[in-house]
N, C-alpha and C. Protein backbone atom coordinates (compact mmCIF):
# COMPACT_ATOMS: atom_id res chain seq x y z
N MET A 1 -49.37 -20.33 33.31
CA MET A 1 -49.78 -19.92 34.63
C MET A 1 -48.55 -19.87 35.53
N ARG A 2 -48.46 -18.82 36.34
CA ARG A 2 -47.38 -18.70 37.31
C ARG A 2 -47.94 -18.84 38.71
N PHE A 3 -47.16 -19.49 39.57
CA PHE A 3 -47.59 -19.79 40.93
C PHE A 3 -46.77 -18.97 41.91
N LYS A 4 -47.42 -18.43 42.92
CA LYS A 4 -46.74 -17.52 43.85
C LYS A 4 -46.12 -18.17 45.09
N PRO A 5 -46.73 -19.16 45.71
CA PRO A 5 -46.12 -19.71 46.94
C PRO A 5 -44.72 -20.27 46.72
N VAL A 6 -43.84 -19.93 47.65
CA VAL A 6 -42.47 -20.44 47.63
C VAL A 6 -42.16 -20.90 49.04
N PRO A 7 -42.19 -22.22 49.28
CA PRO A 7 -41.93 -22.72 50.64
C PRO A 7 -40.48 -22.51 51.04
N GLU A 8 -40.25 -22.61 52.33
CA GLU A 8 -38.89 -22.52 52.85
C GLU A 8 -38.06 -23.63 52.20
N PRO A 9 -36.95 -23.29 51.58
CA PRO A 9 -36.14 -24.32 50.91
C PRO A 9 -35.49 -25.26 51.90
N PRO A 10 -35.39 -26.53 51.55
CA PRO A 10 -34.68 -27.48 52.41
C PRO A 10 -33.17 -27.29 52.22
N THR A 11 -32.40 -28.04 52.97
CA THR A 11 -30.95 -27.93 52.88
C THR A 11 -30.41 -28.56 51.59
N ASP A 12 -31.12 -29.54 51.05
CA ASP A 12 -30.71 -30.12 49.78
C ASP A 12 -31.95 -30.60 49.02
N LEU A 13 -31.78 -30.83 47.75
CA LEU A 13 -32.89 -31.18 46.88
C LEU A 13 -33.52 -32.53 47.24
N GLU A 14 -32.71 -33.43 47.77
CA GLU A 14 -33.24 -34.75 48.14
C GLU A 14 -34.26 -34.67 49.27
N ALA A 15 -34.24 -33.59 50.05
CA ALA A 15 -35.21 -33.42 51.13
C ALA A 15 -36.63 -33.19 50.61
N VAL A 16 -36.75 -32.92 49.32
CA VAL A 16 -38.07 -32.74 48.70
C VAL A 16 -38.75 -34.10 48.50
N ALA A 17 -37.96 -35.14 48.32
CA ALA A 17 -38.50 -36.47 47.99
C ALA A 17 -39.55 -36.97 48.97
N PRO A 18 -39.35 -36.89 50.29
CA PRO A 18 -40.38 -37.38 51.21
C PRO A 18 -41.71 -36.61 51.10
N ILE A 19 -41.62 -35.32 50.80
CA ILE A 19 -42.85 -34.53 50.64
C ILE A 19 -43.57 -34.96 49.37
N LEU A 20 -42.81 -35.10 48.30
CA LEU A 20 -43.40 -35.54 47.03
C LEU A 20 -43.97 -36.95 47.17
N GLU A 21 -43.27 -37.82 47.86
CA GLU A 21 -43.74 -39.19 48.05
C GLU A 21 -45.03 -39.24 48.85
N ALA A 22 -45.25 -38.27 49.74
CA ALA A 22 -46.47 -38.24 50.56
C ALA A 22 -47.68 -37.76 49.78
N VAL A 23 -47.46 -37.14 48.62
CA VAL A 23 -48.60 -36.73 47.79
C VAL A 23 -49.17 -38.00 47.17
N PRO A 24 -50.49 -38.18 47.26
CA PRO A 24 -51.09 -39.41 46.72
C PRO A 24 -50.85 -39.58 45.22
N GLU A 25 -50.80 -40.82 44.79
CA GLU A 25 -50.67 -41.11 43.37
C GLU A 25 -51.99 -40.88 42.64
N THR A 26 -53.10 -40.92 43.37
CA THR A 26 -54.42 -40.75 42.80
C THR A 26 -55.12 -39.60 43.51
N ALA A 27 -55.64 -38.66 42.72
CA ALA A 27 -56.39 -37.55 43.31
C ALA A 27 -57.60 -38.10 44.05
N GLY A 28 -57.84 -37.60 45.24
CA GLY A 28 -58.97 -38.05 46.03
C GLY A 28 -58.67 -39.26 46.90
N ALA A 29 -57.45 -39.78 46.83
CA ALA A 29 -57.09 -40.95 47.64
C ALA A 29 -57.10 -40.63 49.13
N VAL A 30 -56.89 -39.37 49.46
CA VAL A 30 -57.00 -38.92 50.85
C VAL A 30 -58.01 -37.79 50.88
N ASP A 31 -58.72 -37.67 51.99
CA ASP A 31 -59.75 -36.64 52.11
C ASP A 31 -59.16 -35.25 52.25
N ASP A 32 -58.03 -35.15 52.88
CA ASP A 32 -57.42 -33.87 53.21
C ASP A 32 -55.94 -33.95 52.90
N CYS A 33 -55.56 -33.49 51.71
CA CYS A 33 -54.17 -33.62 51.27
C CYS A 33 -53.22 -32.81 52.15
N CYS A 34 -53.61 -31.61 52.55
CA CYS A 34 -52.76 -30.80 53.42
C CYS A 34 -52.56 -31.48 54.77
N GLY A 35 -53.64 -31.97 55.36
CA GLY A 35 -53.55 -32.69 56.62
C GLY A 35 -52.69 -33.94 56.48
N HIS A 36 -52.82 -34.62 55.37
CA HIS A 36 -52.04 -35.82 55.10
C HIS A 36 -50.54 -35.48 55.06
N LEU A 37 -50.18 -34.39 54.38
CA LEU A 37 -48.77 -34.01 54.31
C LEU A 37 -48.22 -33.64 55.69
N VAL A 38 -49.03 -32.96 56.49
CA VAL A 38 -48.58 -32.61 57.85
C VAL A 38 -48.35 -33.88 58.66
N ALA A 39 -49.25 -34.85 58.52
CA ALA A 39 -49.13 -36.10 59.28
C ALA A 39 -47.97 -36.97 58.81
N GLU A 40 -47.66 -36.93 57.53
CA GLU A 40 -46.69 -37.86 56.95
C GLU A 40 -45.30 -37.29 56.73
N THR A 41 -45.11 -35.97 56.90
CA THR A 41 -43.82 -35.35 56.59
C THR A 41 -43.37 -34.47 57.75
N ARG A 42 -42.30 -33.77 57.54
CA ARG A 42 -41.76 -32.84 58.52
C ARG A 42 -42.51 -31.51 58.55
N LEU A 43 -43.46 -31.33 57.65
CA LEU A 43 -44.21 -30.07 57.58
C LEU A 43 -45.05 -29.91 58.84
N GLU A 44 -45.09 -28.69 59.37
CA GLU A 44 -45.71 -28.47 60.67
C GLU A 44 -47.07 -27.81 60.62
N SER A 45 -47.49 -27.32 59.46
CA SER A 45 -48.78 -26.64 59.41
C SER A 45 -49.47 -26.87 58.07
N ARG A 46 -50.76 -26.65 58.08
CA ARG A 46 -51.55 -26.76 56.84
C ARG A 46 -51.09 -25.72 55.83
N ASP A 47 -50.75 -24.51 56.32
CA ASP A 47 -50.27 -23.46 55.42
C ASP A 47 -48.98 -23.89 54.72
N ALA A 48 -48.07 -24.50 55.47
CA ALA A 48 -46.83 -24.99 54.87
C ALA A 48 -47.12 -26.08 53.85
N ALA A 49 -48.03 -26.99 54.19
CA ALA A 49 -48.38 -28.07 53.26
C ALA A 49 -49.01 -27.50 51.99
N GLU A 50 -49.88 -26.52 52.14
CA GLU A 50 -50.52 -25.91 50.96
C GLU A 50 -49.47 -25.22 50.08
N ALA A 51 -48.54 -24.50 50.70
CA ALA A 51 -47.48 -23.85 49.93
C ALA A 51 -46.65 -24.88 49.16
N TRP A 52 -46.33 -25.99 49.82
CA TRP A 52 -45.57 -27.04 49.15
C TRP A 52 -46.34 -27.66 47.98
N LEU A 53 -47.62 -27.92 48.19
CA LEU A 53 -48.42 -28.51 47.11
C LEU A 53 -48.45 -27.60 45.89
N VAL A 54 -48.67 -26.32 46.11
CA VAL A 54 -48.72 -25.38 44.99
C VAL A 54 -47.34 -25.23 44.35
N PHE A 55 -46.29 -25.20 45.16
CA PHE A 55 -44.94 -25.09 44.61
C PHE A 55 -44.58 -26.34 43.80
N LEU A 56 -44.91 -27.51 44.31
CA LEU A 56 -44.65 -28.74 43.55
C LEU A 56 -45.47 -28.77 42.26
N ARG A 57 -46.65 -28.18 42.30
CA ARG A 57 -47.45 -28.05 41.08
C ARG A 57 -46.73 -27.12 40.10
N ALA A 58 -46.16 -26.03 40.58
CA ALA A 58 -45.41 -25.12 39.71
C ALA A 58 -44.23 -25.83 39.06
N LEU A 59 -43.61 -26.75 39.79
CA LEU A 59 -42.48 -27.50 39.24
C LEU A 59 -42.91 -28.68 38.37
N ASP A 60 -44.20 -28.81 38.13
CA ASP A 60 -44.77 -29.89 37.33
C ASP A 60 -44.56 -31.27 37.95
N LEU A 61 -44.44 -31.31 39.29
CA LEU A 61 -44.28 -32.58 39.98
C LEU A 61 -45.60 -33.07 40.55
N VAL A 62 -46.57 -32.17 40.67
CA VAL A 62 -47.89 -32.46 41.23
C VAL A 62 -48.93 -31.82 40.33
N THR A 63 -50.06 -32.47 40.19
CA THR A 63 -51.18 -31.87 39.45
C THR A 63 -52.37 -31.74 40.38
N GLU A 64 -53.24 -30.81 40.04
CA GLU A 64 -54.46 -30.61 40.81
C GLU A 64 -55.65 -30.97 39.93
N GLU A 65 -56.51 -31.80 40.46
CA GLU A 65 -57.72 -32.21 39.77
C GLU A 65 -58.92 -31.86 40.65
N SER A 66 -60.12 -32.04 40.15
CA SER A 66 -61.30 -31.70 40.95
C SER A 66 -61.36 -32.51 42.24
N ALA A 67 -60.81 -33.72 42.25
CA ALA A 67 -60.82 -34.56 43.44
C ALA A 67 -59.69 -34.24 44.40
N GLY A 68 -58.70 -33.45 43.97
CA GLY A 68 -57.58 -33.10 44.84
C GLY A 68 -56.25 -33.17 44.11
N TYR A 69 -55.19 -33.20 44.87
CA TYR A 69 -53.83 -33.24 44.31
C TYR A 69 -53.37 -34.68 44.13
N ARG A 70 -52.47 -34.86 43.17
CA ARG A 70 -51.81 -36.15 42.97
C ARG A 70 -50.44 -35.90 42.35
N ARG A 71 -49.55 -36.88 42.53
CA ARG A 71 -48.26 -36.78 41.87
C ARG A 71 -48.46 -36.82 40.37
N ALA A 72 -47.68 -36.04 39.65
CA ALA A 72 -47.81 -35.98 38.19
C ALA A 72 -47.25 -37.26 37.58
N THR A 73 -48.07 -37.97 36.87
CA THR A 73 -47.68 -39.21 36.23
C THR A 73 -46.75 -38.93 35.06
N GLY A 74 -45.65 -39.66 35.02
CA GLY A 74 -44.73 -39.54 33.91
C GLY A 74 -43.80 -38.35 33.99
N ARG A 75 -44.14 -37.36 34.81
CA ARG A 75 -43.27 -36.20 34.92
C ARG A 75 -42.54 -36.16 36.25
N SER A 76 -43.09 -36.81 37.24
CA SER A 76 -42.44 -36.84 38.55
C SER A 76 -41.28 -37.82 38.50
N PRO A 77 -40.11 -37.38 38.92
CA PRO A 77 -38.99 -38.33 38.96
C PRO A 77 -39.23 -39.35 40.06
N PRO A 78 -38.70 -40.53 39.92
CA PRO A 78 -38.82 -41.51 40.99
C PRO A 78 -38.22 -40.93 42.27
N THR A 79 -38.78 -41.30 43.39
CA THR A 79 -38.27 -40.81 44.67
C THR A 79 -36.78 -41.09 44.76
N GLY A 80 -36.03 -40.12 45.24
CA GLY A 80 -34.60 -40.29 45.37
C GLY A 80 -33.81 -39.86 44.15
N SER A 81 -34.49 -39.45 43.07
CA SER A 81 -33.74 -39.01 41.89
C SER A 81 -34.17 -37.63 41.43
N LEU A 82 -34.55 -36.78 42.37
CA LEU A 82 -34.94 -35.43 42.00
C LEU A 82 -33.81 -34.67 41.32
N GLU A 83 -32.58 -34.91 41.77
CA GLU A 83 -31.45 -34.21 41.17
C GLU A 83 -31.30 -34.56 39.70
N SER A 84 -31.66 -35.77 39.30
CA SER A 84 -31.55 -36.15 37.89
C SER A 84 -32.58 -35.42 37.04
N ALA A 85 -33.61 -34.90 37.66
CA ALA A 85 -34.64 -34.14 36.93
C ALA A 85 -34.29 -32.66 36.87
N GLY A 86 -33.06 -32.30 37.25
CA GLY A 86 -32.64 -30.91 37.34
C GLY A 86 -33.00 -30.01 36.18
N PRO A 87 -32.67 -30.38 34.93
CA PRO A 87 -32.99 -29.47 33.82
C PRO A 87 -34.49 -29.16 33.72
N ARG A 88 -35.31 -30.14 33.91
CA ARG A 88 -36.77 -29.93 33.83
C ARG A 88 -37.26 -29.09 35.00
N LEU A 89 -36.72 -29.34 36.19
CA LEU A 89 -37.10 -28.56 37.36
C LEU A 89 -36.65 -27.11 37.22
N ARG A 90 -35.44 -26.91 36.69
CA ARG A 90 -34.92 -25.55 36.50
C ARG A 90 -35.81 -24.77 35.54
N GLU A 91 -36.20 -25.40 34.46
CA GLU A 91 -37.06 -24.74 33.48
C GLU A 91 -38.42 -24.40 34.08
N ALA A 92 -39.02 -25.34 34.79
CA ALA A 92 -40.33 -25.09 35.41
C ALA A 92 -40.22 -23.99 36.46
N PHE A 93 -39.15 -23.99 37.26
CA PHE A 93 -38.96 -22.96 38.28
C PHE A 93 -38.92 -21.59 37.62
N ARG A 94 -38.12 -21.47 36.59
CA ARG A 94 -37.95 -20.18 35.92
C ARG A 94 -39.23 -19.72 35.24
N GLU A 95 -39.95 -20.63 34.63
CA GLU A 95 -41.13 -20.26 33.83
C GLU A 95 -42.43 -20.23 34.62
N ARG A 96 -42.54 -21.00 35.72
CA ARG A 96 -43.84 -21.16 36.37
C ARG A 96 -43.93 -20.61 37.79
N VAL A 97 -42.80 -20.23 38.38
CA VAL A 97 -42.83 -19.65 39.73
C VAL A 97 -42.75 -18.13 39.58
N TYR A 98 -43.77 -17.46 40.08
CA TYR A 98 -43.86 -16.01 39.95
C TYR A 98 -42.63 -15.34 40.55
N GLY A 99 -41.99 -14.50 39.78
CA GLY A 99 -40.84 -13.74 40.25
C GLY A 99 -39.50 -14.41 40.06
N ALA A 100 -39.48 -15.70 39.80
CA ALA A 100 -38.21 -16.43 39.67
C ALA A 100 -37.40 -15.90 38.49
N ASP A 101 -38.03 -15.70 37.36
CA ASP A 101 -37.32 -15.23 36.19
C ASP A 101 -36.73 -13.85 36.42
N ALA A 102 -37.48 -12.95 37.06
CA ALA A 102 -36.99 -11.60 37.33
C ALA A 102 -35.79 -11.63 38.28
N VAL A 103 -35.86 -12.49 39.30
CA VAL A 103 -34.75 -12.62 40.25
C VAL A 103 -33.51 -13.15 39.52
N LEU A 104 -33.68 -14.15 38.69
CA LEU A 104 -32.55 -14.72 37.96
C LEU A 104 -31.98 -13.72 36.96
N GLU A 105 -32.84 -12.95 36.31
CA GLU A 105 -32.36 -11.92 35.38
C GLU A 105 -31.57 -10.85 36.12
N ALA A 106 -32.02 -10.48 37.32
CA ALA A 106 -31.28 -9.49 38.12
C ALA A 106 -29.87 -10.00 38.43
N LEU A 107 -29.76 -11.27 38.77
CA LEU A 107 -28.44 -11.86 39.04
C LEU A 107 -27.58 -11.88 37.78
N GLU A 108 -28.20 -12.25 36.66
CA GLU A 108 -27.47 -12.34 35.40
C GLU A 108 -26.96 -10.98 34.93
N GLN A 109 -27.70 -9.92 35.21
CA GLN A 109 -27.33 -8.58 34.76
C GLN A 109 -26.40 -7.86 35.73
N ALA A 110 -26.21 -8.40 36.90
CA ALA A 110 -25.38 -7.75 37.92
C ALA A 110 -23.90 -7.90 37.59
N ASP A 111 -23.12 -6.93 38.02
CA ASP A 111 -21.67 -6.96 37.82
C ASP A 111 -20.96 -7.87 38.82
N GLY A 112 -21.66 -8.24 39.87
CA GLY A 112 -21.07 -9.09 40.89
C GLY A 112 -22.16 -9.65 41.77
N PRO A 113 -21.78 -10.32 42.85
CA PRO A 113 -22.78 -10.90 43.76
C PRO A 113 -23.69 -9.84 44.36
N LEU A 114 -24.95 -10.21 44.58
CA LEU A 114 -25.94 -9.30 45.14
C LEU A 114 -26.48 -9.84 46.46
N ALA A 115 -26.74 -8.94 47.39
CA ALA A 115 -27.44 -9.29 48.62
C ALA A 115 -28.92 -9.38 48.30
N VAL A 116 -29.68 -10.01 49.17
CA VAL A 116 -31.12 -10.16 48.95
C VAL A 116 -31.78 -8.80 48.73
N ALA A 117 -31.45 -7.81 49.56
CA ALA A 117 -32.05 -6.48 49.42
C ALA A 117 -31.72 -5.85 48.07
N ASP A 118 -30.52 -6.12 47.55
CA ASP A 118 -30.15 -5.59 46.23
C ASP A 118 -30.99 -6.24 45.13
N VAL A 119 -31.28 -7.52 45.28
CA VAL A 119 -32.12 -8.21 44.30
C VAL A 119 -33.54 -7.66 44.36
N VAL A 120 -34.04 -7.42 45.56
CA VAL A 120 -35.38 -6.83 45.71
C VAL A 120 -35.42 -5.48 44.99
N ASP A 121 -34.42 -4.67 45.20
CA ASP A 121 -34.36 -3.36 44.53
C ASP A 121 -34.32 -3.51 43.02
N ALA A 122 -33.59 -4.50 42.54
CA ALA A 122 -33.45 -4.69 41.09
C ALA A 122 -34.75 -5.14 40.43
N VAL A 123 -35.58 -5.86 41.15
CA VAL A 123 -36.82 -6.36 40.54
C VAL A 123 -38.06 -5.55 40.92
N ARG A 124 -37.87 -4.57 41.76
CA ARG A 124 -39.00 -3.74 42.22
C ARG A 124 -39.71 -3.10 41.03
N ASP A 125 -41.01 -3.08 41.10
CA ASP A 125 -41.82 -2.47 40.06
C ASP A 125 -41.60 -0.96 40.08
N GLU A 126 -41.07 -0.43 39.00
CA GLU A 126 -40.74 0.99 38.92
C GLU A 126 -41.96 1.90 39.01
N ARG A 127 -43.14 1.38 38.72
CA ARG A 127 -44.34 2.22 38.70
C ARG A 127 -44.86 2.57 40.09
N ARG A 128 -44.39 1.85 41.12
CA ARG A 128 -44.87 2.12 42.47
C ARG A 128 -44.08 3.27 43.08
N ALA A 129 -44.72 4.06 43.86
CA ALA A 129 -44.05 5.17 44.53
C ALA A 129 -43.15 4.65 45.63
N VAL A 130 -41.93 5.15 45.70
CA VAL A 130 -40.97 4.70 46.70
C VAL A 130 -41.51 4.95 48.10
N ALA A 131 -42.16 6.07 48.31
CA ALA A 131 -42.69 6.37 49.64
C ALA A 131 -43.68 5.32 50.10
N ARG A 132 -44.55 4.88 49.20
CA ARG A 132 -45.52 3.86 49.57
C ARG A 132 -44.84 2.54 49.86
N GLU A 133 -43.80 2.22 49.10
CA GLU A 133 -43.08 0.96 49.30
C GLU A 133 -42.43 0.91 50.68
N THR A 134 -41.80 1.98 51.09
CA THR A 134 -41.07 1.95 52.34
C THR A 134 -41.98 2.21 53.54
N SER A 135 -43.19 2.72 53.31
CA SER A 135 -44.07 3.00 54.45
C SER A 135 -44.71 1.73 55.01
N ASN A 136 -44.76 0.69 54.24
CA ASN A 136 -45.37 -0.55 54.72
C ASN A 136 -44.27 -1.56 55.02
N GLY A 137 -43.80 -1.54 56.27
CA GLY A 137 -42.70 -2.41 56.67
C GLY A 137 -43.00 -3.88 56.52
N ARG A 138 -44.25 -4.29 56.80
CA ARG A 138 -44.61 -5.71 56.67
C ARG A 138 -44.51 -6.16 55.22
N ARG A 139 -44.96 -5.33 54.31
CA ARG A 139 -44.89 -5.68 52.89
C ARG A 139 -43.44 -5.83 52.46
N GLU A 140 -42.59 -4.91 52.91
CA GLU A 140 -41.18 -4.97 52.55
C GLU A 140 -40.52 -6.21 53.15
N THR A 141 -40.84 -6.53 54.39
CA THR A 141 -40.29 -7.73 55.03
C THR A 141 -40.73 -8.98 54.28
N ALA A 142 -41.99 -9.03 53.90
CA ALA A 142 -42.50 -10.19 53.14
C ALA A 142 -41.81 -10.29 51.78
N ARG A 143 -41.58 -9.16 51.14
CA ARG A 143 -40.90 -9.16 49.84
C ARG A 143 -39.46 -9.67 49.99
N LEU A 144 -38.76 -9.20 51.01
CA LEU A 144 -37.39 -9.67 51.25
C LEU A 144 -37.37 -11.18 51.51
N GLU A 145 -38.31 -11.66 52.31
CA GLU A 145 -38.38 -13.09 52.63
C GLU A 145 -38.67 -13.92 51.38
N ARG A 146 -39.58 -13.45 50.56
CA ARG A 146 -39.93 -14.19 49.34
C ARG A 146 -38.75 -14.25 48.38
N VAL A 147 -38.07 -13.12 48.19
CA VAL A 147 -36.91 -13.10 47.30
C VAL A 147 -35.80 -13.97 47.87
N ARG A 148 -35.60 -13.97 49.20
CA ARG A 148 -34.61 -14.85 49.81
C ARG A 148 -34.92 -16.31 49.49
N ARG A 149 -36.19 -16.67 49.61
CA ARG A 149 -36.57 -18.06 49.31
C ARG A 149 -36.35 -18.38 47.83
N LEU A 150 -36.70 -17.46 46.95
CA LEU A 150 -36.45 -17.67 45.52
C LEU A 150 -34.96 -17.87 45.25
N LEU A 151 -34.14 -17.06 45.88
CA LEU A 151 -32.69 -17.20 45.70
C LEU A 151 -32.18 -18.53 46.24
N GLU A 152 -32.67 -18.95 47.40
CA GLU A 152 -32.25 -20.23 47.97
C GLU A 152 -32.66 -21.39 47.06
N TRP A 153 -33.88 -21.34 46.53
CA TRP A 153 -34.32 -22.38 45.59
C TRP A 153 -33.47 -22.35 44.32
N ALA A 154 -33.12 -21.15 43.85
CA ALA A 154 -32.27 -21.04 42.66
C ALA A 154 -30.92 -21.71 42.90
N VAL A 155 -30.38 -21.56 44.10
CA VAL A 155 -29.12 -22.22 44.44
C VAL A 155 -29.31 -23.74 44.45
N LEU A 156 -30.39 -24.21 45.07
CA LEU A 156 -30.65 -25.66 45.11
C LEU A 156 -30.79 -26.25 43.71
N LEU A 157 -31.41 -25.49 42.82
CA LEU A 157 -31.64 -25.96 41.45
C LEU A 157 -30.47 -25.64 40.52
N GLU A 158 -29.40 -25.12 41.09
CA GLU A 158 -28.18 -24.79 40.34
C GLU A 158 -28.40 -23.75 39.27
N LEU A 159 -29.28 -22.79 39.56
CA LEU A 159 -29.50 -21.65 38.68
C LEU A 159 -28.74 -20.43 39.18
N ALA A 160 -28.26 -20.48 40.41
CA ALA A 160 -27.50 -19.39 41.02
C ALA A 160 -26.50 -20.02 41.99
N GLU A 161 -25.57 -19.19 42.43
CA GLU A 161 -24.58 -19.64 43.39
C GLU A 161 -24.52 -18.66 44.55
N ARG A 162 -24.18 -19.17 45.69
CA ARG A 162 -23.96 -18.33 46.87
C ARG A 162 -22.51 -17.85 46.80
N SER A 163 -22.29 -16.59 47.15
CA SER A 163 -20.93 -16.04 47.12
C SER A 163 -20.07 -16.70 48.20
N ALA A 164 -18.78 -16.47 48.14
CA ALA A 164 -17.85 -17.09 49.08
C ALA A 164 -18.17 -16.71 50.52
N ASP A 165 -18.66 -15.48 50.74
CA ASP A 165 -18.97 -15.07 52.11
C ASP A 165 -20.34 -15.59 52.57
N GLY A 166 -21.13 -16.14 51.64
CA GLY A 166 -22.41 -16.75 51.97
C GLY A 166 -23.56 -15.78 52.09
N ASP A 167 -23.30 -14.48 52.01
CA ASP A 167 -24.36 -13.49 52.19
C ASP A 167 -24.90 -12.94 50.89
N ARG A 168 -24.30 -13.30 49.78
CA ARG A 168 -24.70 -12.75 48.48
C ARG A 168 -24.90 -13.88 47.49
N PHE A 169 -25.56 -13.54 46.40
CA PHE A 169 -25.88 -14.53 45.38
C PHE A 169 -25.39 -14.03 44.03
N GLU A 170 -25.02 -14.97 43.18
CA GLU A 170 -24.59 -14.62 41.83
C GLU A 170 -25.06 -15.65 40.84
């Protein structure tokens, strides 16, 4: 299963720890997991909390049960050691986050660093008509934002690097 939400990346991987720590150890321990994350972390909205929960689930750090979300037992790294779980997180990101593999393949196949728009062009579905793609500005803006977030997460997980000028990825 691939998961689509990609939250705004933090400045470093350790900033994920407080969000992960706020997820209950037992499903159903809190009545409203999204509300709990908003109350206990820097997250400002239920939508942001929901995106984080699903993204952490994609990284195999959180599981969802009928009673709600909980931290994944045995797979979640202890708080403060997310960086030590790098290989496992990188694999889950590539395999379980929708679009991550295509973005990384575009970088791998490129002759040099790519801007976000270049990555979007490289992964664009060839079957769609170009006219339809460019006529919906909101869709294009959302696609650019999503790819930017995927690229930023790839940098955090050491799957990609930011170019020297900071505007491109490789």
